[in-house]
Amino acid sequence: MVTFTLPKLLRRLCRYHPEAFYRLFFACAAQAIKDVLKQPRHLGGQCGFFGMLQTWTQDLRLHPHIHFVIPAIGIGKDGAIRRPRSPKWLAYGEVFASRLKTLLLKAIEKQGMLPVDRIRSLWSIGWNCDVENFGSGENSIKYLGGYLFKGPLSDSRILSSDERSVRISIKDRKSGKRHPLQIDGVEFVRRYLQHALPSGFHRIRYYGFLHCRSRQKLKTIREQLGVDRRAVDKNPPEPIEPKPMLCPRCRQPMLFVGHQSRAPPWKRSIARIWRAQTAA
């Protein structure tokens, strides 16, 4: 997985020009990966990958970065498979970061998004790119799936709320421990809404031989790798019946009686809030 993180000086563009700048960020980051990996010393062929945009931190502050999941395989001009020299490594993060800085700053200057002095200061600082080996890639997809479907804040992290503030749970990355954070109501709404993407904007994008228009190239790669997608287990395991939900009060299995409209987040069935309300 390759993760590009924007410098703080560029986050102003994410607030005031989100659609144009996020599209530019995606395009330049993808091109940076293509330019680096097509070099013979890294991969030496056309790569395929997909990326997901994430814009938040644990305390809902703006922190735009894109996670790219890249298979360690490519396809050369002759149609043959290309592999990296080391099966555990593609390239150093500094190489990707340097290429992104060149592409993105030139594009920003060309479109006039920032004054010249601000762009000059961005050339003089180091940019961040993290490269991590996730093995088969299953864990990386699970990791990104959680961010994709849960959004900036899941229900389980909301501890309490009232007319003036919201209290949420945040996790310390270094210690792994959780502690509460109380945010003013207006500030909470401001932080949350800055992660709302423009209408029709795609958070996930596919490139190279993983793009929908490159199905023939992907088919060629699968044939060379000996992957048969039609192979299906003739004796699939029987589905496991889920355990019945127990009533939190009498601890007896609950019965399904019908549907109800979804309650607001602060009234949903979070164990701590529910018990506090029933006890009162």
C-alpha atoms as a PDB file:
ATOM      1  CA  MET A   1       0.000   0.000   0.000  1.00  0.00           C
ATOM      2  CA  VAL A   2       1.252   3.474  -0.943  1.00  0.00           C
ATOM      3  CA  THR A   3      -0.215   6.419   1.001  1.00  0.00           C
ATOM      4  CA  PHE A   4       0.212  10.045  -0.106  1.00  0.00           C
ATOM      5  CA  THR A   5      -0.438  12.744   2.515  1.00  0.00           C
ATOM      6  CA  LEU A   6      -0.903  16.413   1.618  1.00  0.00           C
ATOM      7  CA  PRO A   7       1.173  19.104   3.369  1.00  0.00           C
ATOM      8  CA  LYS A   8      -0.698  21.455   5.698  1.00  0.00           C
ATOM      9  CA  LEU A   9      -0.165  24.390   3.333  1.00  0.00           C
ATOM     10  CA  LEU A  10      -2.407  22.709   0.719  1.00  0.00           C
ATOM     11  CA  ARG A  11      -5.363  21.926   2.985  1.00  0.00           C
ATOM     12  CA  ARG A  12      -6.834  25.366   2.342  1.00  0.00           C
ATOM     13  CA  LEU A  13      -7.497  24.274  -1.248  1.00  0.00           C
ATOM     14  CA  CYS A  14      -9.379  21.217   0.040  1.00  0.00           C
ATOM     15  CA  ARG A  15     -11.771  23.475   1.949  1.00  0.00           C
ATOM     16  CA  TYR A  16     -12.464  26.083  -0.724  1.00  0.00           C
ATOM     17  CA  HIS A  17     -11.948  24.126  -3.977  1.00  0.00           C
ATOM     18  CA  PRO A  18     -12.667  20.512  -2.964  1.00  0.00           C
ATOM     19  CA  GLU A  19     -13.900  19.100  -6.273  1.00  0.00           C
ATOM     20  CA  ALA A  20     -11.218  20.611  -8.525  1.00  0.00           C
ATOM     21  CA  PHE A  21      -8.360  20.006  -6.103  1.00  0.00           C
ATOM     22  CA  TYR A  22      -9.268  16.443  -5.097  1.00  0.00           C
ATOM     23  CA  ARG A  23      -9.520  15.486  -8.780  1.00  0.00           C
ATOM     24  CA  LEU A  24      -6.100  17.038  -9.342  1.00  0.00           C
ATOM     25  CA  PHE A  25      -4.699  15.238  -6.302  1.00  0.00           C
ATOM     26  CA  PHE A  26      -5.976  11.885  -7.578  1.00  0.00           C
ATOM     27  CA  ALA A  27      -4.655  12.465 -11.102  1.00  0.00           C
ATOM     28  CA  CYS A  28      -1.169  13.579 -10.019  1.00  0.00           C
ATOM     29  CA  ALA A  29      -0.806  10.835  -7.383  1.00  0.00           C
ATOM     30  CA  ALA A  30      -1.794   8.137  -9.890  1.00  0.00           C
ATOM     31  CA  GLN A  31       0.584   9.547 -12.503  1.00  0.00           C
ATOM     32  CA  ALA A  32       3.400   9.627  -9.932  1.00  0.00           C
ATOM     33  CA  ILE A  33       2.925   5.898  -9.266  1.00  0.00           C
ATOM     34  CA  LYS A  34       2.880   5.119 -12.990  1.00  0.00           C
ATOM     35  CA  ASP A  35       6.023   7.172 -13.648  1.00  0.00           C
ATOM     36  CA  VAL A  36       7.990   5.541 -10.828  1.00  0.00           C
ATOM     37  CA  LEU A  37       6.955   1.941 -11.438  1.00  0.00           C
ATOM     38  CA  LYS A  38       7.466   1.999 -15.207  1.00  0.00           C
ATOM     39  CA  GLN A  39      11.201   2.441 -14.622  1.00  0.00           C
ATOM     40  CA  PRO A  40      13.141  -0.834 -15.099  1.00  0.00           C
ATOM     41  CA  ARG A  41      14.815  -0.575 -11.687  1.00  0.00           C
ATOM     42  CA  HIS A  42      11.404  -0.704  -9.959  1.00  0.00           C
ATOM     43  CA  LEU A  43       8.824  -2.653 -11.978  1.00  0.00           C
ATOM     44  CA  GLY A  44       9.490  -1.938 -15.641  1.00  0.00           C
ATOM     45  CA  GLY A  45       5.924  -2.173 -16.926  1.00  0.00           C
ATOM     46  CA  GLN A  46       2.372  -0.928 -16.712  1.00  0.00           C
ATOM     47  CA  CYS A  47       0.986  -1.362 -13.215  1.00  0.00           C
ATOM     48  CA  GLY A  48      -2.578  -1.661 -11.988  1.00  0.00           C
ATOM     49  CA  PHE A  49      -3.924  -0.226  -8.747  1.00  0.00           C
ATOM     50  CA  PHE A  50      -6.839   1.475  -7.046  1.00  0.00           C
ATOM     51  CA  GLY A  51      -6.946   4.351  -4.570  1.00  0.00           C
ATOM     52  CA  MET A  52      -9.287   5.579  -1.868  1.00  0.00           C
ATOM     53  CA  LEU A  53      -9.463   9.154  -0.575  1.00  0.00           C
ATOM     54  CA  GLN A  54      -9.637   9.675   3.186  1.00  0.00           C
ATOM     55  CA  THR A  55      -9.883  13.158   4.680  1.00  0.00           C
ATOM     56  CA  TRP A  56     -10.302  12.780   8.453  1.00  0.00           C
ATOM     57  CA  THR A  57      -8.425  12.028  11.657  1.00  0.00           C
ATOM     58  CA  GLN A  58      -9.768  10.513  14.888  1.00  0.00           C
ATOM     59  CA  ASP A  59     -10.840  13.957  16.149  1.00  0.00           C
ATOM     60  CA  LEU A  60     -12.449  14.824  12.740  1.00  0.00           C
ATOM     61  CA  ARG A  61      -9.798  17.324  11.678  1.00  0.00           C
ATOM     62  CA  LEU A  62      -8.995  17.731   7.976  1.00  0.00           C
ATOM     63  CA  HIS A  63      -6.144  15.416   6.977  1.00  0.00           C
ATOM     64  CA  PRO A  64      -6.433  14.569   3.238  1.00  0.00           C
ATOM     65  CA  HIS A  65      -4.545  11.495   2.054  1.00  0.00           C
ATOM     66  CA  ILE A  66      -5.021   8.762  -0.556  1.00  0.00           C
ATOM     67  CA  HIS A  67      -4.370   5.059   0.041  1.00  0.00           C
ATOM     68  CA  PHE A  68      -3.313   3.150  -3.087  1.00  0.00           C
ATOM     69  CA  VAL A  69      -3.358  -0.651  -3.143  1.00  0.00           C
ATOM     70  CA  ILE A  70      -0.804  -1.784  -5.746  1.00  0.00           C
ATOM     71  CA  PRO A  71      -0.223  -5.431  -6.740  1.00  0.00           C
ATOM     72  CA  ALA A  72       3.497  -6.170  -7.084  1.00  0.00           C
ATOM     73  CA  ILE A  73       3.140  -7.099 -10.726  1.00  0.00           C
ATOM     74  CA  GLY A  74       3.050  -5.326 -14.078  1.00  0.00           C
ATOM     75  CA  ILE A  75       2.763  -5.980 -17.783  1.00  0.00           C
ATOM     76  CA  GLY A  76       5.437  -4.984 -20.296  1.00  0.00           C
ATOM     77  CA  LYS A  77       5.064  -3.696 -23.846  1.00  0.00           C
ATOM     78  CA  ASP A  78       5.455  -7.243 -25.131  1.00  0.00           C
ATOM     79  CA  GLY A  79       2.577  -8.429 -22.947  1.00  0.00           C
ATOM     80  CA  ALA A  80       4.831 -10.397 -20.583  1.00  0.00           C
ATOM     81  CA  ILE A  81       4.555 -10.130 -16.819  1.00  0.00           C
ATOM     82  CA  ARG A  82       7.023  -7.929 -14.976  1.00  0.00           C
ATOM     83  CA  ARG A  83       7.903  -8.334 -11.314  1.00  0.00           C
ATOM     84  CA  PRO A  84       9.929  -6.090  -8.965  1.00  0.00           C
ATOM     85  CA  ARG A  85      13.489  -7.021  -8.098  1.00  0.00           C
ATOM     86  CA  SER A  86      12.500  -7.625  -4.496  1.00  0.00           C
ATOM     87  CA  PRO A  87       9.188  -9.465  -3.932  1.00  0.00           C
ATOM     88  CA  LYS A  88       8.693  -7.495  -0.702  1.00  0.00           C
ATOM     89  CA  TRP A  89       9.353  -3.986  -2.005  1.00  0.00           C
ATOM     90  CA  LEU A  90       8.319  -1.669  -4.849  1.00  0.00           C
ATOM     91  CA  ALA A  91      10.139   1.625  -4.218  1.00  0.00           C
ATOM     92  CA  TYR A  92      11.032   3.992  -1.403  1.00  0.00           C
ATOM     93  CA  GLY A  93       8.393   6.460  -0.243  1.00  0.00           C
ATOM     94  CA  GLU A  94      10.713   9.406  -0.928  1.00  0.00           C
ATOM     95  CA  VAL A  95      10.736   8.509  -4.629  1.00  0.00           C
ATOM     96  CA  PHE A  96       6.931   8.562  -4.869  1.00  0.00           C
ATOM     97  CA  ALA A  97       6.687  11.741  -2.759  1.00  0.00           C
ATOM     98  CA  SER A  98       9.226  13.607  -4.865  1.00  0.00           C
ATOM     99  CA  ARG A  99       7.435  12.753  -8.097  1.00  0.00           C
ATOM    100  CA  LEU A 100       4.046  13.775  -6.661  1.00  0.00           C
ATOM    101  CA  LYS A 101       5.445  17.101  -5.478  1.00  0.00           C
ATOM    102  CA  THR A 102       6.744  17.879  -8.963  1.00  0.00           C
ATOM    103  CA  LEU A 103       3.502  16.950 -10.744  1.00  0.00           C
ATOM    104  CA  LEU A 104       1.073  18.535  -8.280  1.00  0.00           C
ATOM    105  CA  LEU A 105       2.882  21.850  -7.784  1.00  0.00           C
ATOM    106  CA  LYS A 106       3.300  22.346 -11.537  1.00  0.00           C
ATOM    107  CA  ALA A 107      -0.410  21.633 -12.034  1.00  0.00           C
ATOM    108  CA  ILE A 108      -1.383  24.056  -9.236  1.00  0.00           C
ATOM    109  CA  GLU A 109       0.823  26.775 -10.719  1.00  0.00           C
ATOM    110  CA  LYS A 110      -0.595  26.196 -14.202  1.00  0.00           C
ATOM    111  CA  GLN A 111      -4.192  26.506 -12.967  1.00  0.00           C
ATOM    112  CA  GLY A 112      -3.435  29.503 -10.730  1.00  0.00           C
ATOM    113  CA  MET A 113      -4.775  27.960  -7.537  1.00  0.00           C
ATOM    114  CA  LEU A 114      -2.073  29.474  -5.298  1.00  0.00           C
ATOM    115  CA  PRO A 115       0.187  32.535  -5.419  1.00  0.00           C
ATOM    116  CA  VAL A 116       3.781  32.079  -6.522  1.00  0.00           C
ATOM    117  CA  ASP A 117       5.293  32.703  -3.070  1.00  0.00           C
ATOM    118  CA  ARG A 118       3.110  29.977  -1.518  1.00  0.00           C
ATOM    119  CA  ILE A 119       4.130  27.508  -4.235  1.00  0.00           C
ATOM    120  CA  ARG A 120       7.798  28.403  -3.713  1.00  0.00           C
ATOM    121  CA  SER A 121       7.517  27.554  -0.009  1.00  0.00           C
ATOM    122  CA  LEU A 122       5.974  24.171  -0.895  1.00  0.00           C
ATOM    123  CA  TRP A 123       8.977  23.312  -3.076  1.00  0.00           C
ATOM    124  CA  SER A 124      11.327  23.769  -0.112  1.00  0.00           C
ATOM    125  CA  ILE A 125       9.629  21.313   2.294  1.00  0.00           C
ATOM    126  CA  GLY A 126       9.599  17.515   2.335  1.00  0.00           C
ATOM    127  CA  TRP A 127       6.453  15.635   1.365  1.00  0.00           C
ATOM    128  CA  ASN A 128       5.204  12.475   3.024  1.00  0.00           C
ATOM    129  CA  CYS A 129       4.560   9.114   1.360  1.00  0.00           C
ATOM    130  CA  ASP A 130       4.312   5.846   3.272  1.00  0.00           C
ATOM    131  CA  VAL A 131       4.977   2.471   1.596  1.00  0.00           C
ATOM    132  CA  GLU A 132       3.931  -0.695   3.414  1.00  0.00           C
ATOM    133  CA  ASN A 133       3.849  -4.351   2.408  1.00  0.00           C
ATOM    134  CA  PHE A 134       0.442  -5.938   3.142  1.00  0.00           C
ATOM    135  CA  GLY A 135       1.268  -9.371   1.724  1.00  0.00           C
ATOM    136  CA  SER A 136      -1.653 -10.798  -0.250  1.00  0.00           C
ATOM    137  CA  GLY A 137      -3.573  -7.528   0.113  1.00  0.00           C
ATOM    138  CA  GLU A 138      -6.570  -8.938   1.980  1.00  0.00           C
ATOM    139  CA  ASN A 139      -5.790  -6.990   5.141  1.00  0.00           C
ATOM    140  CA  SER A 140      -5.387  -3.750   3.202  1.00  0.00           C
ATOM    141  CA  ILE A 141      -8.839  -4.157   1.627  1.00  0.00           C
ATOM    142  CA  LYS A 142     -10.384  -4.854   5.039  1.00  0.00           C
ATOM    143  CA  TYR A 143      -8.599  -1.812   6.437  1.00  0.00           C
ATOM    144  CA  LEU A 144      -9.875   0.504   3.695  1.00  0.00           C
ATOM    145  CA  GLY A 145     -13.353  -1.034   3.729  1.00  0.00           C
ATOM    146  CA  GLY A 146     -13.845   0.071   7.308  1.00  0.00           C
ATOM    147  CA  TYR A 147     -13.115   3.692   6.415  1.00  0.00           C
ATOM    148  CA  LEU A 148     -15.229   3.540   3.269  1.00  0.00           C
ATOM    149  CA  PHE A 149     -18.470   2.307   4.846  1.00  0.00           C
ATOM    150  CA  LYS A 150     -18.227   3.755   8.354  1.00  0.00           C
ATOM    151  CA  GLY A 151     -17.373   7.302   7.328  1.00  0.00           C
ATOM    152  CA  PRO A 152     -15.649   9.893   9.530  1.00  0.00           C
ATOM    153  CA  LEU A 153     -17.489   8.857  12.707  1.00  0.00           C
ATOM    154  CA  SER A 154     -19.184   5.564  13.586  1.00  0.00           C
ATOM    155  CA  ASP A 155     -22.102   5.313  16.001  1.00  0.00           C
ATOM    156  CA  SER A 156     -20.075   3.354  18.539  1.00  0.00           C
ATOM    157  CA  ARG A 157     -17.711   6.309  19.026  1.00  0.00           C
ATOM    158  CA  ILE A 158     -20.485   8.720  20.065  1.00  0.00           C
ATOM    159  CA  LEU A 159     -20.532   8.674  23.860  1.00  0.00           C
ATOM    160  CA  SER A 160     -23.100  11.395  24.546  1.00  0.00           C
ATOM    161  CA  SER A 161     -24.557  14.624  23.202  1.00  0.00           C
ATOM    162  CA  ASP A 162     -26.692  17.564  24.278  1.00  0.00           C
ATOM    163  CA  GLU A 163     -27.762  20.954  22.915  1.00  0.00           C
ATOM    164  CA  ARG A 164     -24.270  22.428  23.256  1.00  0.00           C
ATOM    165  CA  SER A 165     -21.660  19.720  22.690  1.00  0.00           C
ATOM    166  CA  VAL A 166     -20.867  16.211  21.519  1.00  0.00           C
ATOM    167  CA  ARG A 167     -18.643  13.759  23.378  1.00  0.00           C
ATOM    168  CA  ILE A 168     -16.801  11.184  21.264  1.00  0.00           C
ATOM    169  CA  SER A 169     -14.187   8.499  21.787  1.00  0.00           C
ATOM    170  CA  ILE A 170     -10.806   8.836  20.064  1.00  0.00           C
ATOM    171  CA  LYS A 171      -7.891   6.416  19.905  1.00  0.00           C
ATOM    172  CA  ASP A 172      -4.278   7.306  20.598  1.00  0.00           C
ATOM    173  CA  ARG A 173      -2.214   5.812  17.754  1.00  0.00           C
ATOM    174  CA  LYS A 174       0.917   5.483  19.877  1.00  0.00           C
ATOM    175  CA  SER A 175      -0.508   3.874  23.021  1.00  0.00           C
ATOM    176  CA  GLY A 176      -3.591   2.237  21.454  1.00  0.00           C
ATOM    177  CA  LYS A 177      -5.758   3.499  24.338  1.00  0.00           C
ATOM    178  CA  ARG A 178      -9.058   5.337  23.932  1.00  0.00           C
ATOM    179  CA  HIS A 179     -10.083   8.489  25.747  1.00  0.00           C
ATOM    180  CA  PRO A 180     -13.091  10.830  25.482  1.00  0.00           C
ATOM    181  CA  LEU A 181     -13.075  14.166  23.667  1.00  0.00           C
ATOM    182  CA  GLN A 182     -15.775  16.808  24.074  1.00  0.00           C
ATOM    183  CA  ILE A 183     -16.354  19.113  21.099  1.00  0.00           C
ATOM    184  CA  ASP A 184     -18.549  22.206  20.954  1.00  0.00           C
ATOM    185  CA  GLY A 185     -21.687  21.636  18.863  1.00  0.00           C
ATOM    186  CA  VAL A 186     -20.898  24.272  16.223  1.00  0.00           C
ATOM    187  CA  GLU A 187     -17.295  23.088  15.959  1.00  0.00           C
ATOM    188  CA  PHE A 188     -18.458  19.474  15.689  1.00  0.00           C
ATOM    189  CA  VAL A 189     -20.743  20.315  12.744  1.00  0.00           C
ATOM    190  CA  ARG A 190     -17.942  22.296  11.068  1.00  0.00           C
ATOM    191  CA  ARG A 191     -15.453  19.453  11.437  1.00  0.00           C
ATOM    192  CA  TYR A 192     -17.917  16.836  10.216  1.00  0.00           C
ATOM    193  CA  LEU A 193     -19.143  18.751   7.156  1.00  0.00           C
ATOM    194  CA  GLN A 194     -15.651  19.486   5.864  1.00  0.00           C
ATOM    195  CA  HIS A 195     -15.431  15.754   5.027  1.00  0.00           C
ATOM    196  CA  ALA A 196     -18.599  15.816   2.896  1.00  0.00           C
ATOM    197  CA  LEU A 197     -17.380  15.303  -0.680  1.00  0.00           C
ATOM    198  CA  PRO A 198     -18.926  17.123  -3.669  1.00  0.00           C
ATOM    199  CA  SER A 199     -21.979  15.527  -5.246  1.00  0.00           C
ATOM    200  CA  GLY A 200     -21.043  12.739  -7.655  1.00  0.00           C
ATOM    201  CA  PHE A 201     -17.408  12.609  -6.557  1.00  0.00           C
ATOM    202  CA  HIS A 202     -15.943   9.072  -6.507  1.00  0.00           C
ATOM    203  CA  ARG A 203     -13.897   8.298  -3.408  1.00  0.00           C
ATOM    204  CA  ILE A 204     -12.451   5.133  -5.008  1.00  0.00           C
ATOM    205  CA  ARG A 205     -10.755   5.134  -8.436  1.00  0.00           C
ATOM    206  CA  TYR A 206      -9.096   2.413 -10.523  1.00  0.00           C
ATOM    207  CA  TYR A 207      -6.052   2.744 -12.772  1.00  0.00           C
ATOM    208  CA  GLY A 208      -3.879   0.712 -15.129  1.00  0.00           C
ATOM    209  CA  PHE A 209      -4.887  -2.861 -15.823  1.00  0.00           C
ATOM    210  CA  LEU A 210      -7.439  -2.684 -12.956  1.00  0.00           C
ATOM    211  CA  HIS A 211      -9.454  -0.034 -14.803  1.00  0.00           C
ATOM    212  CA  CYS A 212     -12.745  -1.205 -16.305  1.00  0.00           C
ATOM    213  CA  ARG A 213     -11.442  -0.453 -19.823  1.00  0.00           C
ATOM    214  CA  SER A 214      -8.431  -2.760 -19.392  1.00  0.00           C
ATOM    215  CA  ARG A 215     -10.256  -6.040 -18.942  1.00  0.00           C
ATOM    216  CA  GLN A 216      -8.317  -7.691 -21.768  1.00  0.00           C
ATOM    217  CA  LYS A 217      -4.970  -6.850 -20.142  1.00  0.00           C
ATOM    218  CA  LEU A 218      -6.230  -8.145 -16.816  1.00  0.00           C
ATOM    219  CA  LYS A 219      -7.383 -11.330 -18.514  1.00  0.00           C
ATOM    220  CA  THR A 220      -3.915 -11.761 -20.077  1.00  0.00           C
ATOM    221  CA  ILE A 221      -2.261 -11.367 -16.667  1.00  0.00           C
ATOM    222  CA  ARG A 222      -4.569 -13.940 -15.092  1.00  0.00           C
ATOM    223  CA  GLU A 223      -3.833 -16.410 -17.866  1.00  0.00           C
ATOM    224  CA  GLN A 224      -0.081 -16.024 -17.378  1.00  0.00           C
ATOM    225  CA  LEU A 225      -0.473 -16.433 -13.627  1.00  0.00           C
ATOM    226  CA  GLY A 226      -2.693 -19.486 -14.050  1.00  0.00           C
ATOM    227  CA  VAL A 227      -5.666 -17.947 -12.241  1.00  0.00           C
ATOM    228  CA  ASP A 228      -9.051 -19.452 -13.128  1.00  0.00           C
ATOM    229  CA  ARG A 229     -11.915 -17.284 -11.888  1.00  0.00           C
ATOM    230  CA  ARG A 230     -14.437 -19.917 -12.906  1.00  0.00           C
ATOM    231  CA  ALA A 231     -13.030 -22.427 -10.421  1.00  0.00           C
ATOM    232  CA  VAL A 232     -15.732 -22.862  -7.795  1.00  0.00           C
ATOM    233  CA  ASP A 233     -15.720 -25.178  -4.824  1.00  0.00           C
ATOM    234  CA  LYS A 234     -18.152 -28.012  -5.564  1.00  0.00           C
ATOM    235  CA  ASN A 235     -18.796 -28.548  -1.870  1.00  0.00           C
ATOM    236  CA  PRO A 236     -19.201 -25.085  -0.348  1.00  0.00           C
ATOM    237  CA  PRO A 237     -19.476 -24.970   3.440  1.00  0.00           C
ATOM    238  CA  GLU A 238     -22.958 -24.782   4.860  1.00  0.00           C
ATOM    239  CA  PRO A 239     -23.931 -21.313   6.070  1.00  0.00           C
ATOM    240  CA  ILE A 240     -23.666 -20.854   9.819  1.00  0.00           C
ATOM    241  CA  GLU A 241     -26.805 -19.616  11.491  1.00  0.00           C
ATOM    242  CA  PRO A 242     -26.129 -16.390  13.407  1.00  0.00           C
ATOM    243  CA  LYS A 243     -26.627 -16.428  17.145  1.00  0.00           C
ATOM    244  CA  PRO A 244     -29.918 -14.874  18.303  1.00  0.00           C
ATOM    245  CA  MET A 245     -29.763 -11.389  19.755  1.00  0.00           C
ATOM    246  CA  LEU A 246     -30.440 -11.305  23.486  1.00  0.00           C
ATOM    247  CA  CYS A 247     -32.512  -8.726  25.276  1.00  0.00           C
ATOM    248  CA  PRO A 248     -30.143  -6.509  27.325  1.00  0.00           C
ATOM    249  CA  ARG A 249     -32.586  -6.602  30.247  1.00  0.00           C
ATOM    250  CA  CYS A 250     -33.920 -10.189  30.552  1.00  0.00           C
ATOM    251  CA  ARG A 251     -31.180 -11.873  28.475  1.00  0.00           C
ATOM    252  CA  GLN A 252     -33.766 -13.859  26.478  1.00  0.00           C
ATOM    253  CA  PRO A 253     -33.682 -14.272  22.654  1.00  0.00           C
ATOM    254  CA  MET A 254     -35.456 -11.406  20.913  1.00  0.00           C
ATOM    255  CA  LEU A 255     -38.081 -11.941  18.188  1.00  0.00           C
ATOM    256  CA  PHE A 256     -38.370  -9.906  15.014  1.00  0.00           C
ATOM    257  CA  VAL A 257     -41.662  -7.958  15.032  1.00  0.00           C
ATOM    258  CA  GLY A 258     -41.187  -5.339  12.303  1.00  0.00           C
ATOM    259  CA  HIS A 259     -39.214  -2.359  10.958  1.00  0.00           C
ATOM    260  CA  GLN A 260     -38.940   1.127  12.421  1.00  0.00           C
ATOM    261  CA  SER A 261     -37.475   4.313  11.020  1.00  0.00           C
ATOM    262  CA  ARG A 262     -33.842   4.948  11.889  1.00  0.00           C
ATOM    263  CA  ALA A 263     -33.321   6.986  15.050  1.00  0.00           C
ATOM    264  CA  PRO A 264     -30.847   9.893  15.244  1.00  0.00           C
ATOM    265  CA  PRO A 265     -27.264   8.889  16.167  1.00  0.00           C
ATOM    266  CA  TRP A 266     -27.506   9.938  19.807  1.00  0.00           C
ATOM    267  CA  LYS A 267     -30.583   7.732  20.314  1.00  0.00           C
ATOM    268  CA  ARG A 268     -29.328   4.570  18.606  1.00  0.00           C
ATOM    269  CA  SER A 269     -28.700   1.330  20.449  1.00  0.00           C
ATOM    270  CA  ILE A 270     -25.263   2.075  21.821  1.00  0.00           C
ATOM    271  CA  ALA A 271     -24.926  -0.023  24.964  1.00  0.00           C
ATOM    272  CA  ARG A 272     -23.650   2.762  27.215  1.00  0.00           C
ATOM    273  CA  ILE A 273     -26.325   5.291  26.266  1.00  0.00           C
ATOM    274  CA  TRP A 274     -29.131   2.735  26.236  1.00  0.00           C
ATOM    275  CA  ARG A 275     -28.329   1.485  29.723  1.00  0.00           C
ATOM    276  CA  ALA A 276     -28.015   5.008  31.055  1.00  0.00           C
ATOM    277  CA  GLN A 277     -31.440   5.939  29.660  1.00  0.00           C
ATOM    278  CA  THR A 278     -33.191   2.776  30.931  1.00  0.00           C
ATOM    279  CA  ALA A 279     -31.612   3.123  34.366  1.00  0.00           C
ATOM    280  CA  ALA A 280     -32.967   6.667  34.631  1.00  0.00           C
END
